[in-house]
């Protein structure tokens, strides 16, 4: 098994010793999964981040995707969320094995990625339709984290441990914390959120329906689902002024399609974007365009009063 060096490096960086111990066993885990589910030898995906993915078929010829990862909490919450979504605007879970860290799911074909449309309005309208239909009620018993827990931990540790140099501007951190409090006060309750819904986690299936993949799984107010999308995949060749126009168009579409105010959508984006930047400290993965990212967050901050 010839794994891409970039995949190996990410496993080492994110999972440390656990990842280094897991990688030599991966070929055997793949074989166990093929035996367990009677799968043909598959084709490795060319787009792997933190999980091994191959596309294969079952004994009756059904196309499936096999996803295998280092067993950890986020992989388990993905399994649980896929099960709760039950194939509604989401890739269908066919089976899972927690001990193997393996998920067997529907293989979406043709699998066109949303951002390939290269039309900001069309892409955002499709994302809004998924957001409006994807959320499901929180069951009485579950193992999913809460968005509140994400925010509290990341913001607290950014202030006290991760970012003593204050590379994350404290006024932005304070404003995001205030915005999150306001979101919680106006919420009608929690739902199951995908938690990572952006342009590369929305694919076209064989029925011509756009479908969500790779949920993180988290509970929180429904409006928060819009946050991850707003600043993702802004063309680098655009000026900051033109990027702001794109962001404002996305916010306006979500507001019109989902019934939340412009200020509410902007607040969700502010919270999620600051949260993502805080996680970068934990992962020791600050990008070269960090300051540019902070400047983009300021776009959402300016929208809070509109």
C-alpha atoms as a PDB file:
ATOM      1  CA  UNK A   1       0.000   0.000   0.000  1.00  0.00           C
ATOM      2  CA  UNK A   2       1.640   3.210  -1.218  1.00  0.00           C
ATOM      3  CA  UNK A   3       0.193   6.002   0.896  1.00  0.00           C
ATOM      4  CA  UNK A   4       0.780   9.636  -0.096  1.00  0.00           C
ATOM      5  CA  UNK A   5       3.524  11.271   1.951  1.00  0.00           C
ATOM      6  CA  UNK A   6       1.207  14.217   2.694  1.00  0.00           C
ATOM      7  CA  UNK A   7      -1.325  11.806   4.240  1.00  0.00           C
ATOM      8  CA  UNK A   8       1.358  10.165   6.391  1.00  0.00           C
ATOM      9  CA  UNK A   9       2.647  13.542   7.546  1.00  0.00           C
ATOM     10  CA  UNK A  10      -0.842  14.698   8.595  1.00  0.00           C
ATOM     11  CA  UNK A  11      -1.466  11.484  10.526  1.00  0.00           C
ATOM     12  CA  UNK A  12       1.840  11.986  12.359  1.00  0.00           C
ATOM     13  CA  UNK A  13       1.158  15.654  13.081  1.00  0.00           C
ATOM     14  CA  UNK A  14      -2.442  15.315  14.254  1.00  0.00           C
ATOM     15  CA  UNK A  15      -2.365  11.959  16.051  1.00  0.00           C
ATOM     16  CA  UNK A  16       1.272  11.780  17.176  1.00  0.00           C
ATOM     17  CA  UNK A  17       2.336   8.415  18.587  1.00  0.00           C
ATOM     18  CA  UNK A  18      -1.163   6.968  18.123  1.00  0.00           C
ATOM     19  CA  UNK A  19      -1.003   7.780  14.423  1.00  0.00           C
ATOM     20  CA  UNK A  20       2.512   6.395  14.009  1.00  0.00           C
ATOM     21  CA  UNK A  21       1.417   3.168  15.698  1.00  0.00           C
ATOM     22  CA  UNK A  22      -1.735   2.940  13.548  1.00  0.00           C
ATOM     23  CA  UNK A  23      -0.216   3.383  10.095  1.00  0.00           C
ATOM     24  CA  UNK A  24       1.684   0.034   9.894  1.00  0.00           C
ATOM     25  CA  UNK A  25      -1.577  -1.790  10.722  1.00  0.00           C
ATOM     26  CA  UNK A  26      -3.620   0.010   8.058  1.00  0.00           C
ATOM     27  CA  UNK A  27      -3.148  -2.596   5.268  1.00  0.00           C
ATOM     28  CA  UNK A  28      -4.354  -5.349   7.605  1.00  0.00           C
ATOM     29  CA  UNK A  29      -7.326  -3.223   8.720  1.00  0.00           C
ATOM     30  CA  UNK A  30      -8.267  -2.718   5.062  1.00  0.00           C
ATOM     31  CA  UNK A  31      -8.121  -6.484   4.502  1.00  0.00           C
ATOM     32  CA  UNK A  32     -10.289  -7.105   7.566  1.00  0.00           C
ATOM     33  CA  UNK A  33     -12.870  -4.624   6.284  1.00  0.00           C
ATOM     34  CA  UNK A  34     -12.934  -6.245   2.857  1.00  0.00           C
ATOM     35  CA  UNK A  35     -13.485  -9.635   4.465  1.00  0.00           C
ATOM     36  CA  UNK A  36     -16.106  -8.340   6.910  1.00  0.00           C
ATOM     37  CA  UNK A  37     -18.217  -6.662   4.224  1.00  0.00           C
ATOM     38  CA  UNK A  38     -17.277  -8.878   1.254  1.00  0.00           C
ATOM     39  CA  UNK A  39     -15.772  -5.992  -0.703  1.00  0.00           C
ATOM     40  CA  UNK A  40     -13.759  -6.042  -3.908  1.00  0.00           C
ATOM     41  CA  UNK A  41     -10.265  -4.600  -3.894  1.00  0.00           C
ATOM     42  CA  UNK A  42     -10.813  -0.867  -4.032  1.00  0.00           C
ATOM     43  CA  UNK A  43      -9.241   2.212  -5.569  1.00  0.00           C
ATOM     44  CA  UNK A  44      -7.611   4.602  -3.114  1.00  0.00           C
ATOM     45  CA  UNK A  45      -9.074   8.100  -3.125  1.00  0.00           C
ATOM     46  CA  UNK A  46      -6.816  10.841  -4.428  1.00  0.00           C
ATOM     47  CA  UNK A  47      -8.251  13.225  -1.829  1.00  0.00           C
ATOM     48  CA  UNK A  48      -7.419  11.943   1.665  1.00  0.00           C
ATOM     49  CA  UNK A  49      -6.884  14.168   4.680  1.00  0.00           C
ATOM     50  CA  UNK A  50      -7.029  12.357   8.028  1.00  0.00           C
ATOM     51  CA  UNK A  51      -8.689   9.117   6.934  1.00  0.00           C
ATOM     52  CA  UNK A  52      -7.888   6.384   4.447  1.00  0.00           C
ATOM     53  CA  UNK A  53     -10.623   6.216   1.798  1.00  0.00           C
ATOM     54  CA  UNK A  54     -11.133   3.756  -1.016  1.00  0.00           C
ATOM     55  CA  UNK A  55     -13.938   3.271  -3.501  1.00  0.00           C
ATOM     56  CA  UNK A  56     -15.065  -0.285  -4.081  1.00  0.00           C
ATOM     57  CA  UNK A  57     -18.155  -2.494  -4.506  1.00  0.00           C
ATOM     58  CA  UNK A  58     -20.041  -5.030  -2.425  1.00  0.00           C
ATOM     59  CA  UNK A  59     -20.626  -8.602  -3.564  1.00  0.00           C
ATOM     60  CA  UNK A  60     -23.816  -7.555  -5.369  1.00  0.00           C
ATOM     61  CA  UNK A  61     -22.026  -4.753  -7.202  1.00  0.00           C
ATOM     62  CA  UNK A  62     -23.237  -1.828  -5.080  1.00  0.00           C
ATOM     63  CA  UNK A  63     -20.726   1.062  -5.212  1.00  0.00           C
ATOM     64  CA  UNK A  64     -19.511   1.975  -1.709  1.00  0.00           C
ATOM     65  CA  UNK A  65     -16.893   4.119  -0.038  1.00  0.00           C
ATOM     66  CA  UNK A  66     -14.767   2.612   2.724  1.00  0.00           C
ATOM     67  CA  UNK A  67     -13.399   5.127   5.206  1.00  0.00           C
ATOM     68  CA  UNK A  68     -10.875   4.081   7.860  1.00  0.00           C
ATOM     69  CA  UNK A  69      -9.317   6.309  10.492  1.00  0.00           C
ATOM     70  CA  UNK A  70      -7.357   6.298  13.700  1.00  0.00           C
ATOM     71  CA  UNK A  71     -10.056   5.385  16.256  1.00  0.00           C
ATOM     72  CA  UNK A  72     -10.866   8.589  18.116  1.00  0.00           C
ATOM     73  CA  UNK A  73     -13.873  10.559  19.311  1.00  0.00           C
ATOM     74  CA  UNK A  74     -14.445  12.611  16.155  1.00  0.00           C
ATOM     75  CA  UNK A  75     -14.552   9.485  13.994  1.00  0.00           C
ATOM     76  CA  UNK A  76     -17.131   7.976  16.334  1.00  0.00           C
ATOM     77  CA  UNK A  77     -19.284  11.125  16.275  1.00  0.00           C
ATOM     78  CA  UNK A  78     -19.214  10.998  12.475  1.00  0.00           C
ATOM     79  CA  UNK A  79     -20.583   7.439  12.646  1.00  0.00           C
ATOM     80  CA  UNK A  80     -23.317   8.534  15.041  1.00  0.00           C
ATOM     81  CA  UNK A  81     -24.277  11.570  12.975  1.00  0.00           C
ATOM     82  CA  UNK A  82     -24.480   9.610   9.733  1.00  0.00           C
ATOM     83  CA  UNK A  83     -26.717   7.111  11.490  1.00  0.00           C
ATOM     84  CA  UNK A  84     -28.997   9.907  12.751  1.00  0.00           C
ATOM     85  CA  UNK A  85     -29.184  11.569   9.326  1.00  0.00           C
ATOM     86  CA  UNK A  86     -30.225   8.222   7.823  1.00  0.00           C
ATOM     87  CA  UNK A  87     -29.344   9.221   4.270  1.00  0.00           C
ATOM     88  CA  UNK A  88     -31.510  12.352   4.189  1.00  0.00           C
ATOM     89  CA  UNK A  89     -29.407  14.962   2.294  1.00  0.00           C
ATOM     90  CA  UNK A  90     -26.415  13.046   3.619  1.00  0.00           C
ATOM     91  CA  UNK A  91     -24.373  10.103   2.365  1.00  0.00           C
ATOM     92  CA  UNK A  92     -26.065   6.944   3.621  1.00  0.00           C
ATOM     93  CA  UNK A  93     -24.300   4.931   6.317  1.00  0.00           C
ATOM     94  CA  UNK A  94     -24.318   1.237   5.403  1.00  0.00           C
ATOM     95  CA  UNK A  95     -22.353  -0.138   8.348  1.00  0.00           C
ATOM     96  CA  UNK A  96     -19.622   0.742  10.827  1.00  0.00           C
ATOM     97  CA  UNK A  97     -17.016  -0.953  13.004  1.00  0.00           C
ATOM     98  CA  UNK A  98     -15.730   1.153  15.901  1.00  0.00           C
ATOM     99  CA  UNK A  99     -12.963  -1.292  16.798  1.00  0.00           C
ATOM    100  CA  UNK A 100     -11.559  -1.097  13.258  1.00  0.00           C
ATOM    101  CA  UNK A 101     -12.287   2.622  12.985  1.00  0.00           C
ATOM    102  CA  UNK A 102     -14.151   1.874   9.751  1.00  0.00           C
ATOM    103  CA  UNK A 103     -17.210   3.364   8.070  1.00  0.00           C
ATOM    104  CA  UNK A 104     -18.923   1.789   5.057  1.00  0.00           C
ATOM    105  CA  UNK A 105     -21.106   4.291   3.237  1.00  0.00           C
ATOM    106  CA  UNK A 106     -22.785   5.162  -0.010  1.00  0.00           C
ATOM    107  CA  UNK A 107     -20.388   6.134  -2.804  1.00  0.00           C
ATOM    108  CA  UNK A 108     -21.756   9.312  -4.315  1.00  0.00           C
ATOM    109  CA  UNK A 109     -21.537   9.457  -8.107  1.00  0.00           C
ATOM    110  CA  UNK A 110     -20.603  11.491 -10.069  1.00  0.00           C
ATOM    111  CA  UNK A 111     -19.370  13.110  -6.856  1.00  0.00           C
ATOM    112  CA  UNK A 112     -19.047  16.598  -8.308  1.00  0.00           C
ATOM    113  CA  UNK A 113     -17.794  18.959  -5.581  1.00  0.00           C
ATOM    114  CA  UNK A 114     -19.945  22.032  -4.965  1.00  0.00           C
ATOM    115  CA  UNK A 115     -17.131  24.526  -5.488  1.00  0.00           C
ATOM    116  CA  UNK A 116     -16.617  23.186  -9.006  1.00  0.00           C
ATOM    117  CA  UNK A 117     -19.723  25.121 -10.050  1.00  0.00           C
ATOM    118  CA  UNK A 118     -17.721  28.366  -9.684  1.00  0.00           C
ATOM    119  CA  UNK A 119     -20.877  30.378  -9.131  1.00  0.00           C
ATOM    120  CA  UNK A 120     -21.114  31.959  -5.682  1.00  0.00           C
ATOM    121  CA  UNK A 121     -24.890  32.497  -5.760  1.00  0.00           C
ATOM    122  CA  UNK A 122     -25.732  29.033  -7.090  1.00  0.00           C
ATOM    123  CA  UNK A 123     -23.378  27.308  -4.662  1.00  0.00           C
ATOM    124  CA  UNK A 124     -24.758  29.216  -1.672  1.00  0.00           C
ATOM    125  CA  UNK A 125     -28.375  28.527  -2.616  1.00  0.00           C
ATOM    126  CA  UNK A 126     -27.563  24.804  -2.787  1.00  0.00           C
ATOM    127  CA  UNK A 127     -25.832  24.955   0.593  1.00  0.00           C
ATOM    128  CA  UNK A 128     -28.870  26.756   2.045  1.00  0.00           C
ATOM    129  CA  UNK A 129     -31.193  24.019   0.785  1.00  0.00           C
ATOM    130  CA  UNK A 130     -29.093  21.371   2.514  1.00  0.00           C
ATOM    131  CA  UNK A 131     -28.924  23.359   5.745  1.00  0.00           C
ATOM    132  CA  UNK A 132     -32.707  23.757   5.743  1.00  0.00           C
ATOM    133  CA  UNK A 133     -33.268  19.990   5.408  1.00  0.00           C
ATOM    134  CA  UNK A 134     -30.261  18.349   7.071  1.00  0.00           C
ATOM    135  CA  UNK A 135     -30.840  19.110  10.746  1.00  0.00           C
ATOM    136  CA  UNK A 136     -32.545  16.457  12.864  1.00  0.00           C
ATOM    137  CA  UNK A 137     -33.735  16.633  16.481  1.00  0.00           C
ATOM    138  CA  UNK A 138     -31.294  15.785  19.249  1.00  0.00           C
ATOM    139  CA  UNK A 139     -32.154  12.308  20.611  1.00  0.00           C
ATOM    140  CA  UNK A 140     -32.634  11.780  24.330  1.00  0.00           C
ATOM    141  CA  UNK A 141     -29.355   9.848  24.534  1.00  0.00           C
ATOM    142  CA  UNK A 142     -26.312  10.523  22.381  1.00  0.00           C
ATOM    143  CA  UNK A 143     -22.540  10.894  22.519  1.00  0.00           C
ATOM    144  CA  UNK A 144     -22.173  14.083  20.489  1.00  0.00           C
ATOM    145  CA  UNK A 145     -20.339  17.169  21.764  1.00  0.00           C
ATOM    146  CA  UNK A 146     -22.062  20.547  22.029  1.00  0.00           C
ATOM    147  CA  UNK A 147     -21.105  23.656  20.108  1.00  0.00           C
ATOM    148  CA  UNK A 148     -21.087  25.461  23.442  1.00  0.00           C
ATOM    149  CA  UNK A 149     -18.456  23.036  24.681  1.00  0.00           C
ATOM    150  CA  UNK A 150     -16.364  23.624  21.562  1.00  0.00           C
ATOM    151  CA  UNK A 151     -16.490  27.396  22.023  1.00  0.00           C
ATOM    152  CA  UNK A 152     -15.927  27.465  25.785  1.00  0.00           C
ATOM    153  CA  UNK A 153     -12.878  25.207  25.645  1.00  0.00           C
ATOM    154  CA  UNK A 154     -11.218  26.775  22.600  1.00  0.00           C
ATOM    155  CA  UNK A 155     -11.747  30.386  23.664  1.00  0.00           C
ATOM    156  CA  UNK A 156     -10.613  29.712  27.233  1.00  0.00           C
ATOM    157  CA  UNK A 157      -7.454  27.871  26.197  1.00  0.00           C
ATOM    158  CA  UNK A 158      -6.638  30.459  23.550  1.00  0.00           C
ATOM    159  CA  UNK A 159      -6.608  33.118  26.263  1.00  0.00           C
ATOM    160  CA  UNK A 160      -4.768  31.092  28.914  1.00  0.00           C
ATOM    161  CA  UNK A 161      -2.512  28.612  27.147  1.00  0.00           C
ATOM    162  CA  UNK A 162      -2.465  28.417  23.356  1.00  0.00           C
ATOM    163  CA  UNK A 163      -1.978  32.055  22.363  1.00  0.00           C
ATOM    164  CA  UNK A 164      -0.106  34.020  24.995  1.00  0.00           C
ATOM    165  CA  UNK A 165       1.356  36.198  22.215  1.00  0.00           C
ATOM    166  CA  UNK A 166      -2.214  37.282  21.334  1.00  0.00           C
ATOM    167  CA  UNK A 167      -1.941  36.545  17.641  1.00  0.00           C
ATOM    168  CA  UNK A 168      -5.719  36.140  17.776  1.00  0.00           C
ATOM    169  CA  UNK A 169      -6.836  39.744  18.400  1.00  0.00           C
ATOM    170  CA  UNK A 170      -8.533  39.799  21.770  1.00  0.00           C
ATOM    171  CA  UNK A 171     -11.210  42.225  20.608  1.00  0.00           C
ATOM    172  CA  UNK A 172     -12.289  39.649  17.987  1.00  0.00           C
ATOM    173  CA  UNK A 173     -12.255  36.876  20.559  1.00  0.00           C
ATOM    174  CA  UNK A 174     -14.376  38.987  22.916  1.00  0.00           C
ATOM    175  CA  UNK A 175     -16.788  39.960  20.131  1.00  0.00           C
ATOM    176  CA  UNK A 176     -17.199  36.346  19.029  1.00  0.00           C
ATOM    177  CA  UNK A 177     -17.887  35.295  22.618  1.00  0.00           C
ATOM    178  CA  UNK A 178     -20.498  38.026  22.965  1.00  0.00           C
ATOM    179  CA  UNK A 179     -22.071  37.065  19.628  1.00  0.00           C
ATOM    180  CA  UNK A 180     -22.285  33.432  20.703  1.00  0.00           C
ATOM    181  CA  UNK A 181     -24.063  34.400  23.917  1.00  0.00           C
ATOM    182  CA  UNK A 182     -26.591  36.347  21.861  1.00  0.00           C
ATOM    183  CA  UNK A 183     -27.111  33.394  19.507  1.00  0.00           C
ATOM    184  CA  UNK A 184     -27.842  31.098  22.452  1.00  0.00           C
ATOM    185  CA  UNK A 185     -30.299  33.591  23.975  1.00  0.00           C
ATOM    186  CA  UNK A 186     -32.339  33.825  20.763  1.00  0.00           C
ATOM    187  CA  UNK A 187     -32.254  30.094  19.952  1.00  0.00           C
ATOM    188  CA  UNK A 188     -35.326  27.878  19.961  1.00  0.00           C
ATOM    189  CA  UNK A 189     -33.269  24.842  20.979  1.00  0.00           C
ATOM    190  CA  UNK A 190     -30.582  22.558  19.637  1.00  0.00           C
ATOM    191  CA  UNK A 191     -30.461  20.242  16.633  1.00  0.00           C
ATOM    192  CA  UNK A 192     -27.855  17.851  15.262  1.00  0.00           C
ATOM    193  CA  UNK A 193     -25.421  19.936  13.221  1.00  0.00           C
ATOM    194  CA  UNK A 194     -23.062  18.675  10.544  1.00  0.00           C
ATOM    195  CA  UNK A 195     -20.423  20.981  12.010  1.00  0.00           C
ATOM    196  CA  UNK A 196     -18.161  21.172   8.930  1.00  0.00           C
ATOM    197  CA  UNK A 197     -20.462  22.068   6.050  1.00  0.00           C
ATOM    198  CA  UNK A 198     -18.448  23.765   3.319  1.00  0.00           C
ATOM    199  CA  UNK A 199     -17.928  23.596  -0.435  1.00  0.00           C
ATOM    200  CA  UNK A 200     -15.904  20.364  -0.441  1.00  0.00           C
ATOM    201  CA  UNK A 201     -18.273  18.477   1.854  1.00  0.00           C
ATOM    202  CA  UNK A 202     -21.231  18.825  -0.523  1.00  0.00           C
ATOM    203  CA  UNK A 203     -21.257  16.425  -3.493  1.00  0.00           C
ATOM    204  CA  UNK A 204     -23.631  15.569  -6.323  1.00  0.00           C
ATOM    205  CA  UNK A 205     -25.177  12.079  -6.248  1.00  0.00           C
ATOM    206  CA  UNK A 206     -26.547   9.866  -9.010  1.00  0.00           C
ATOM    207  CA  UNK A 207     -30.067  11.299  -8.635  1.00  0.00           C
ATOM    208  CA  UNK A 208     -28.745  14.799  -9.236  1.00  0.00           C
ATOM    209  CA  UNK A 209     -29.208  15.775  -5.591  1.00  0.00           C
ATOM    210  CA  UNK A 210     -26.555  17.655  -3.672  1.00  0.00           C
ATOM    211  CA  UNK A 211     -25.569  15.654  -0.599  1.00  0.00           C
ATOM    212  CA  UNK A 212     -23.498  16.315   2.526  1.00  0.00           C
ATOM    213  CA  UNK A 213     -20.524  14.151   3.491  1.00  0.00           C
ATOM    214  CA  UNK A 214     -18.026  13.971   6.370  1.00  0.00           C
ATOM    215  CA  UNK A 215     -20.041  15.395   9.286  1.00  0.00           C
ATOM    216  CA  UNK A 216     -18.233  16.168  12.512  1.00  0.00           C
ATOM    217  CA  UNK A 217     -21.451  15.873  14.519  1.00  0.00           C
ATOM    218  CA  UNK A 218     -22.270  18.454  17.195  1.00  0.00           C
ATOM    219  CA  UNK A 219     -25.386  19.802  18.885  1.00  0.00           C
ATOM    220  CA  UNK A 220     -26.336  23.470  18.796  1.00  0.00           C
ATOM    221  CA  UNK A 221     -28.739  26.105  17.441  1.00  0.00           C
ATOM    222  CA  UNK A 222     -29.657  25.495  13.800  1.00  0.00           C
ATOM    223  CA  UNK A 223     -28.355  28.869  12.578  1.00  0.00           C
ATOM    224  CA  UNK A 224     -24.783  27.882  13.486  1.00  0.00           C
ATOM    225  CA  UNK A 225     -24.691  25.469  10.543  1.00  0.00           C
ATOM    226  CA  UNK A 226     -24.179  28.451   8.230  1.00  0.00           C
ATOM    227  CA  UNK A 227     -20.986  29.615   9.917  1.00  0.00           C
ATOM    228  CA  UNK A 228     -18.434  27.199   8.465  1.00  0.00           C
ATOM    229  CA  UNK A 229     -19.432  28.009   4.890  1.00  0.00           C
ATOM    230  CA  UNK A 230     -19.141  31.792   4.859  1.00  0.00           C
ATOM    231  CA  UNK A 231     -15.373  32.328   4.625  1.00  0.00           C
ATOM    232  CA  UNK A 232     -14.439  29.079   2.917  1.00  0.00           C
ATOM    233  CA  UNK A 233     -12.975  29.007  -0.589  1.00  0.00           C
ATOM    234  CA  UNK A 234     -12.813  32.726  -1.254  1.00  0.00           C
ATOM    235  CA  UNK A 235     -10.639  33.040  -4.386  1.00  0.00           C
ATOM    236  CA  UNK A 236      -7.129  34.101  -3.456  1.00  0.00           C
ATOM    237  CA  UNK A 237      -6.784  36.160  -6.622  1.00  0.00           C
ATOM    238  CA  UNK A 238      -9.576  38.506  -5.533  1.00  0.00           C
ATOM    239  CA  UNK A 239      -9.012  41.725  -3.634  1.00  0.00           C
ATOM    240  CA  UNK A 240     -10.313  41.882  -0.091  1.00  0.00           C
ATOM    241  CA  UNK A 241     -13.050  44.227  -1.343  1.00  0.00           C
ATOM    242  CA  UNK A 242     -14.269  41.629  -3.850  1.00  0.00           C
ATOM    243  CA  UNK A 243     -14.050  38.876  -1.259  1.00  0.00           C
ATOM    244  CA  UNK A 244     -16.233  40.993   1.009  1.00  0.00           C
ATOM    245  CA  UNK A 245     -18.822  41.248  -1.776  1.00  0.00           C
ATOM    246  CA  UNK A 246     -18.862  37.441  -2.031  1.00  0.00           C
ATOM    247  CA  UNK A 247     -19.244  37.032   1.729  1.00  0.00           C
ATOM    248  CA  UNK A 248     -22.053  39.561   1.871  1.00  0.00           C
ATOM    249  CA  UNK A 249     -23.831  37.739  -0.965  1.00  0.00           C
ATOM    250  CA  UNK A 250     -23.535  34.443   0.928  1.00  0.00           C
ATOM    251  CA  UNK A 251     -24.884  36.009   4.118  1.00  0.00           C
ATOM    252  CA  UNK A 252     -27.794  37.611   2.248  1.00  0.00           C
ATOM    253  CA  UNK A 253     -28.742  34.315   0.581  1.00  0.00           C
ATOM    254  CA  UNK A 254     -28.652  32.379   3.849  1.00  0.00           C
ATOM    255  CA  UNK A 255     -30.717  35.101   5.502  1.00  0.00           C
ATOM    256  CA  UNK A 256     -33.368  35.038   2.758  1.00  0.00           C
ATOM    257  CA  UNK A 257     -33.500  31.237   2.399  1.00  0.00           C
ATOM    258  CA  UNK A 258     -33.339  30.264   6.076  1.00  0.00           C
ATOM    259  CA  UNK A 259     -35.218  33.123   7.742  1.00  0.00           C
ATOM    260  CA  UNK A 260     -32.456  34.417  10.002  1.00  0.00           C
ATOM    261  CA  UNK A 261     -31.385  38.055  10.102  1.00  0.00           C
ATOM    262  CA  UNK A 262     -28.250  39.194   8.307  1.00  0.00           C
ATOM    263  CA  UNK A 263     -26.731  40.025  11.696  1.00  0.00           C
ATOM    264  CA  UNK A 264     -27.496  36.506  13.007  1.00  0.00           C
ATOM    265  CA  UNK A 265     -25.852  34.803  10.014  1.00  0.00           C
ATOM    266  CA  UNK A 266     -22.838  37.106  10.281  1.00  0.00           C
ATOM    267  CA  UNK A 267     -22.586  36.330  14.006  1.00  0.00           C
ATOM    268  CA  UNK A 268     -22.590  32.599  13.280  1.00  0.00           C
ATOM    269  CA  UNK A 269     -19.785  33.088  10.791  1.00  0.00           C
ATOM    270  CA  UNK A 270     -17.820  35.213  13.239  1.00  0.00           C
ATOM    271  CA  UNK A 271     -18.093  32.586  15.986  1.00  0.00           C
ATOM    272  CA  UNK A 272     -17.167  29.689  13.714  1.00  0.00           C
ATOM    273  CA  UNK A 273     -14.280  31.489  12.032  1.00  0.00           C
ATOM    274  CA  UNK A 274     -12.725  32.601  15.323  1.00  0.00           C
ATOM    275  CA  UNK A 275     -13.228  29.068  16.648  1.00  0.00           C
ATOM    276  CA  UNK A 276     -11.384  27.614  13.648  1.00  0.00           C
ATOM    277  CA  UNK A 277      -8.505  30.015  14.149  1.00  0.00           C
ATOM    278  CA  UNK A 278      -8.320  29.034  17.822  1.00  0.00           C
ATOM    279  CA  UNK A 279      -8.132  25.355  16.884  1.00  0.00           C
ATOM    280  CA  UNK A 280      -5.139  26.190  14.696  1.00  0.00           C
ATOM    281  CA  UNK A 281      -3.176  26.908  17.871  1.00  0.00           C
ATOM    282  CA  UNK A 282      -4.018  23.507  19.319  1.00  0.00           C
ATOM    283  CA  UNK A 283      -3.053  21.777  16.072  1.00  0.00           C
ATOM    284  CA  UNK A 284       0.094  23.897  15.751  1.00  0.00           C
ATOM    285  CA  UNK A 285      -0.996  24.593  12.193  1.00  0.00           C
ATOM    286  CA  UNK A 286      -0.996  28.350  11.713  1.00  0.00           C
ATOM    287  CA  UNK A 287      -1.111  29.088   7.997  1.00  0.00           C
ATOM    288  CA  UNK A 288       1.047  31.612   6.192  1.00  0.00           C
ATOM    289  CA  UNK A 289      -2.068  33.659   5.448  1.00  0.00           C
ATOM    290  CA  UNK A 290      -3.077  33.907   9.124  1.00  0.00           C
ATOM    291  CA  UNK A 291      -3.347  37.698   9.119  1.00  0.00           C
ATOM    292  CA  UNK A 292      -5.315  37.629   5.894  1.00  0.00           C
ATOM    293  CA  UNK A 293      -7.718  35.197   7.556  1.00  0.00           C
ATOM    294  CA  UNK A 294      -8.152  37.571  10.478  1.00  0.00           C
ATOM    295  CA  UNK A 295      -8.855  40.389   8.018  1.00  0.00           C
ATOM    296  CA  UNK A 296     -11.585  38.254   6.450  1.00  0.00           C
ATOM    297  CA  UNK A 297     -13.146  37.650   9.863  1.00  0.00           C
ATOM    298  CA  UNK A 298     -13.379  41.426  10.202  1.00  0.00           C
ATOM    299  CA  UNK A 299     -15.811  41.374   7.257  1.00  0.00           C
ATOM    300  CA  UNK A 300     -18.284  39.444   9.389  1.00  0.00           C
ATOM    301  CA  UNK A 301     -17.641  41.627  12.404  1.00  0.00           C
ATOM    302  CA  UNK A 302     -18.610  44.700  10.353  1.00  0.00           C
ATOM    303  CA  UNK A 303     -21.903  43.032   9.437  1.00  0.00           C
ATOM    304  CA  UNK A 304     -23.142  42.454  12.958  1.00  0.00           C
ATOM    305  CA  UNK A 305     -24.971  45.733  13.157  1.00  0.00           C
ATOM    306  CA  UNK A 306     -26.603  45.533   9.720  1.00  0.00           C
END
